[in-house]
Amino acid sequence: MFTCRNQSCGAEWELSDVVIKNEGQGLLFRCPMCGARNYVARTDADDGTVTYEQITDIPPRGTR
C-alpha cells in the first residue's frame, strides 16, 4: 500500500492503482488524485520478483 505524501491529499493506493516510472529524478509514482510525486525504491529478489517500497525519508516538496 502506498500513501500520497501530499499533506492535503493523503490518499492510499495499491500498486495496481499507480504507474511507477523514472522522470529523471529516480523512481516515483504520481498520485492519481492530486498528481504529487511520491518516491519509491525497487527491489529485485533472487527469484525474479520485483517489489517496490515507498521512500519516506525524502521530505515532500516545500517542507524543507
N, C-alpha and C. Protein backbone atom coordinates (compact mmCIF):
# COMPACT_ATOMS: atom_id res chain seq x y z
N MET A 1 0.85 -1.17 0.00
CA MET A 1 0.00 0.00 0.00
C MET A 1 0.90 1.24 0.00
N PHE A 2 0.58 2.19 -0.85
CA PHE A 2 1.30 3.46 -0.93
C PHE A 2 0.39 4.56 -0.43
N THR A 3 0.96 5.58 0.19
CA THR A 3 0.20 6.71 0.68
C THR A 3 0.76 7.99 0.08
N CYS A 4 -0.09 8.82 -0.50
CA CYS A 4 0.35 10.09 -1.06
C CYS A 4 0.88 10.96 0.07
N ARG A 5 2.07 11.50 -0.11
CA ARG A 5 2.71 12.29 0.94
C ARG A 5 2.34 13.76 0.86
N ASN A 6 1.49 14.12 -0.11
CA ASN A 6 0.99 15.49 -0.17
C ASN A 6 0.08 15.69 1.03
N GLN A 7 0.42 16.64 1.88
CA GLN A 7 -0.27 16.81 3.15
C GLN A 7 -1.78 17.00 2.99
N SER A 8 -2.20 17.68 1.93
CA SER A 8 -3.63 17.92 1.76
C SER A 8 -4.34 16.75 1.09
N CYS A 9 -3.61 15.73 0.66
CA CYS A 9 -4.22 14.58 -0.03
C CYS A 9 -4.25 13.36 0.88
N GLY A 10 -3.11 12.69 1.03
CA GLY A 10 -3.00 11.52 1.90
C GLY A 10 -3.73 10.29 1.40
N ALA A 11 -4.12 10.25 0.12
CA ALA A 11 -4.84 9.09 -0.42
C ALA A 11 -3.96 7.85 -0.39
N GLU A 12 -4.59 6.68 -0.23
CA GLU A 12 -3.86 5.41 -0.21
C GLU A 12 -4.14 4.66 -1.50
N TRP A 13 -3.08 4.02 -2.03
CA TRP A 13 -3.16 3.34 -3.32
C TRP A 13 -2.47 1.99 -3.26
N GLU A 14 -3.00 1.04 -3.99
CA GLU A 14 -2.35 -0.26 -4.21
C GLU A 14 -1.39 -0.10 -5.38
N LEU A 15 -0.45 -1.02 -5.51
CA LEU A 15 0.49 -0.99 -6.62
C LEU A 15 -0.24 -1.00 -7.96
N SER A 16 -1.33 -1.73 -8.04
CA SER A 16 -2.08 -1.80 -9.30
C SER A 16 -2.77 -0.49 -9.66
N ASP A 17 -2.86 0.44 -8.72
CA ASP A 17 -3.52 1.73 -8.95
C ASP A 17 -2.58 2.81 -9.48
N VAL A 18 -1.27 2.59 -9.37
CA VAL A 18 -0.30 3.63 -9.73
C VAL A 18 0.62 3.16 -10.84
N VAL A 19 1.26 4.13 -11.50
CA VAL A 19 2.25 3.84 -12.54
C VAL A 19 3.60 4.31 -12.01
N ILE A 20 4.52 3.37 -11.86
CA ILE A 20 5.86 3.69 -11.38
C ILE A 20 6.76 3.93 -12.57
N LYS A 21 7.43 5.08 -12.57
CA LYS A 21 8.33 5.41 -13.67
C LYS A 21 9.44 6.32 -13.18
N ASN A 22 10.42 6.54 -14.02
CA ASN A 22 11.53 7.42 -13.71
C ASN A 22 11.36 8.68 -14.53
N GLU A 23 11.17 9.81 -13.88
CA GLU A 23 11.01 11.09 -14.57
C GLU A 23 12.31 11.89 -14.52
N GLY A 24 13.44 11.19 -14.34
CA GLY A 24 14.74 11.84 -14.31
C GLY A 24 15.25 12.12 -12.90
N GLN A 25 14.43 11.88 -11.88
CA GLN A 25 14.84 12.10 -10.51
C GLN A 25 14.73 10.84 -9.68
N GLY A 26 14.67 9.70 -10.32
CA GLY A 26 14.53 8.42 -9.63
C GLY A 26 13.12 7.88 -9.80
N LEU A 27 12.91 6.66 -9.32
CA LEU A 27 11.61 6.02 -9.46
C LEU A 27 10.57 6.71 -8.58
N LEU A 28 9.41 6.90 -9.15
CA LEU A 28 8.32 7.53 -8.41
C LEU A 28 6.99 7.16 -9.03
N PHE A 29 5.93 7.44 -8.28
CA PHE A 29 4.59 7.39 -8.85
C PHE A 29 3.94 8.72 -8.55
N ARG A 30 3.10 9.16 -9.46
CA ARG A 30 2.32 10.37 -9.24
C ARG A 30 0.96 9.95 -8.69
N CYS A 31 0.54 10.62 -7.65
CA CYS A 31 -0.75 10.31 -7.04
C CYS A 31 -1.85 10.47 -8.10
N PRO A 32 -2.66 9.44 -8.32
CA PRO A 32 -3.74 9.56 -9.30
C PRO A 32 -4.77 10.64 -8.95
N MET A 33 -4.83 11.02 -7.68
CA MET A 33 -5.82 12.01 -7.27
C MET A 33 -5.29 13.44 -7.40
N CYS A 34 -4.07 13.71 -6.90
CA CYS A 34 -3.59 15.09 -6.88
C CYS A 34 -2.35 15.33 -7.75
N GLY A 35 -1.70 14.26 -8.24
CA GLY A 35 -0.54 14.41 -9.12
C GLY A 35 0.79 14.61 -8.40
N ALA A 36 0.80 14.54 -7.07
CA ALA A 36 2.04 14.73 -6.31
C ALA A 36 3.02 13.60 -6.59
N ARG A 37 4.31 13.93 -6.58
CA ARG A 37 5.37 12.92 -6.75
C ARG A 37 5.59 12.20 -5.44
N ASN A 38 5.67 10.87 -5.52
CA ASN A 38 5.94 10.03 -4.36
C ASN A 38 7.02 9.04 -4.76
N TYR A 39 8.16 9.08 -4.11
CA TYR A 39 9.31 8.28 -4.50
C TYR A 39 9.24 6.86 -3.96
N VAL A 40 9.78 5.92 -4.75
CA VAL A 40 9.80 4.51 -4.38
C VAL A 40 11.18 3.92 -4.67
N ALA A 41 11.48 2.80 -4.02
CA ALA A 41 12.71 2.05 -4.26
C ALA A 41 12.31 0.68 -4.79
N ARG A 42 13.05 0.21 -5.78
CA ARG A 42 12.79 -1.10 -6.39
C ARG A 42 13.74 -2.13 -5.80
N THR A 43 13.19 -3.32 -5.53
CA THR A 43 13.99 -4.44 -5.04
C THR A 43 13.74 -5.63 -5.94
N ASP A 44 14.83 -6.23 -6.44
CA ASP A 44 14.74 -7.43 -7.27
C ASP A 44 15.16 -8.64 -6.44
N ALA A 45 14.25 -9.57 -6.23
CA ALA A 45 14.55 -10.78 -5.47
C ALA A 45 15.30 -11.78 -6.36
N ASP A 46 15.93 -12.76 -5.73
CA ASP A 46 16.68 -13.78 -6.46
C ASP A 46 15.79 -14.58 -7.40
N ASP A 47 14.51 -14.72 -7.06
CA ASP A 47 13.60 -15.49 -7.91
C ASP A 47 13.00 -14.65 -9.04
N GLY A 48 13.46 -13.39 -9.18
CA GLY A 48 12.98 -12.54 -10.25
C GLY A 48 11.80 -11.66 -9.88
N THR A 49 11.29 -11.81 -8.66
CA THR A 49 10.17 -11.00 -8.21
C THR A 49 10.64 -9.56 -7.97
N VAL A 50 9.86 -8.61 -8.45
CA VAL A 50 10.17 -7.20 -8.26
C VAL A 50 9.17 -6.61 -7.27
N THR A 51 9.68 -5.90 -6.27
CA THR A 51 8.80 -5.24 -5.31
C THR A 51 9.20 -3.77 -5.22
N TYR A 52 8.26 -2.96 -4.81
CA TYR A 52 8.50 -1.52 -4.63
C TYR A 52 8.12 -1.13 -3.23
N GLU A 53 8.94 -0.26 -2.62
CA GLU A 53 8.66 0.25 -1.28
C GLU A 53 8.72 1.77 -1.35
N GLN A 54 7.75 2.42 -0.75
CA GLN A 54 7.72 3.87 -0.76
C GLN A 54 8.84 4.42 0.11
N ILE A 55 9.51 5.45 -0.40
CA ILE A 55 10.58 6.11 0.34
C ILE A 55 9.95 7.25 1.13
N THR A 56 10.15 7.21 2.43
CA THR A 56 9.53 8.24 3.27
C THR A 56 10.55 9.19 3.88
N ASP A 57 11.86 8.96 3.65
CA ASP A 57 12.86 9.85 4.24
C ASP A 57 13.17 11.06 3.37
N ILE A 58 12.55 11.16 2.18
CA ILE A 58 12.67 12.36 1.35
C ILE A 58 11.47 13.23 1.70
N PRO A 59 11.69 14.44 2.24
CA PRO A 59 10.54 15.26 2.62
C PRO A 59 9.74 15.68 1.40
N PRO A 60 8.42 15.77 1.54
CA PRO A 60 7.61 16.27 0.43
C PRO A 60 8.06 17.68 0.06
N ARG A 61 7.85 18.05 -1.18
CA ARG A 61 8.28 19.35 -1.69
C ARG A 61 7.71 20.49 -0.84
N GLY A 62 8.57 21.44 -0.51
CA GLY A 62 8.15 22.62 0.22
C GLY A 62 8.19 22.51 1.73
N THR A 63 8.69 21.36 2.26
CA THR A 63 8.72 21.20 3.71
C THR A 63 10.13 21.28 4.28
N ARG A 64 11.11 21.64 3.50
CA ARG A 64 12.49 21.72 3.99
C ARG A 64 12.73 22.98 4.76
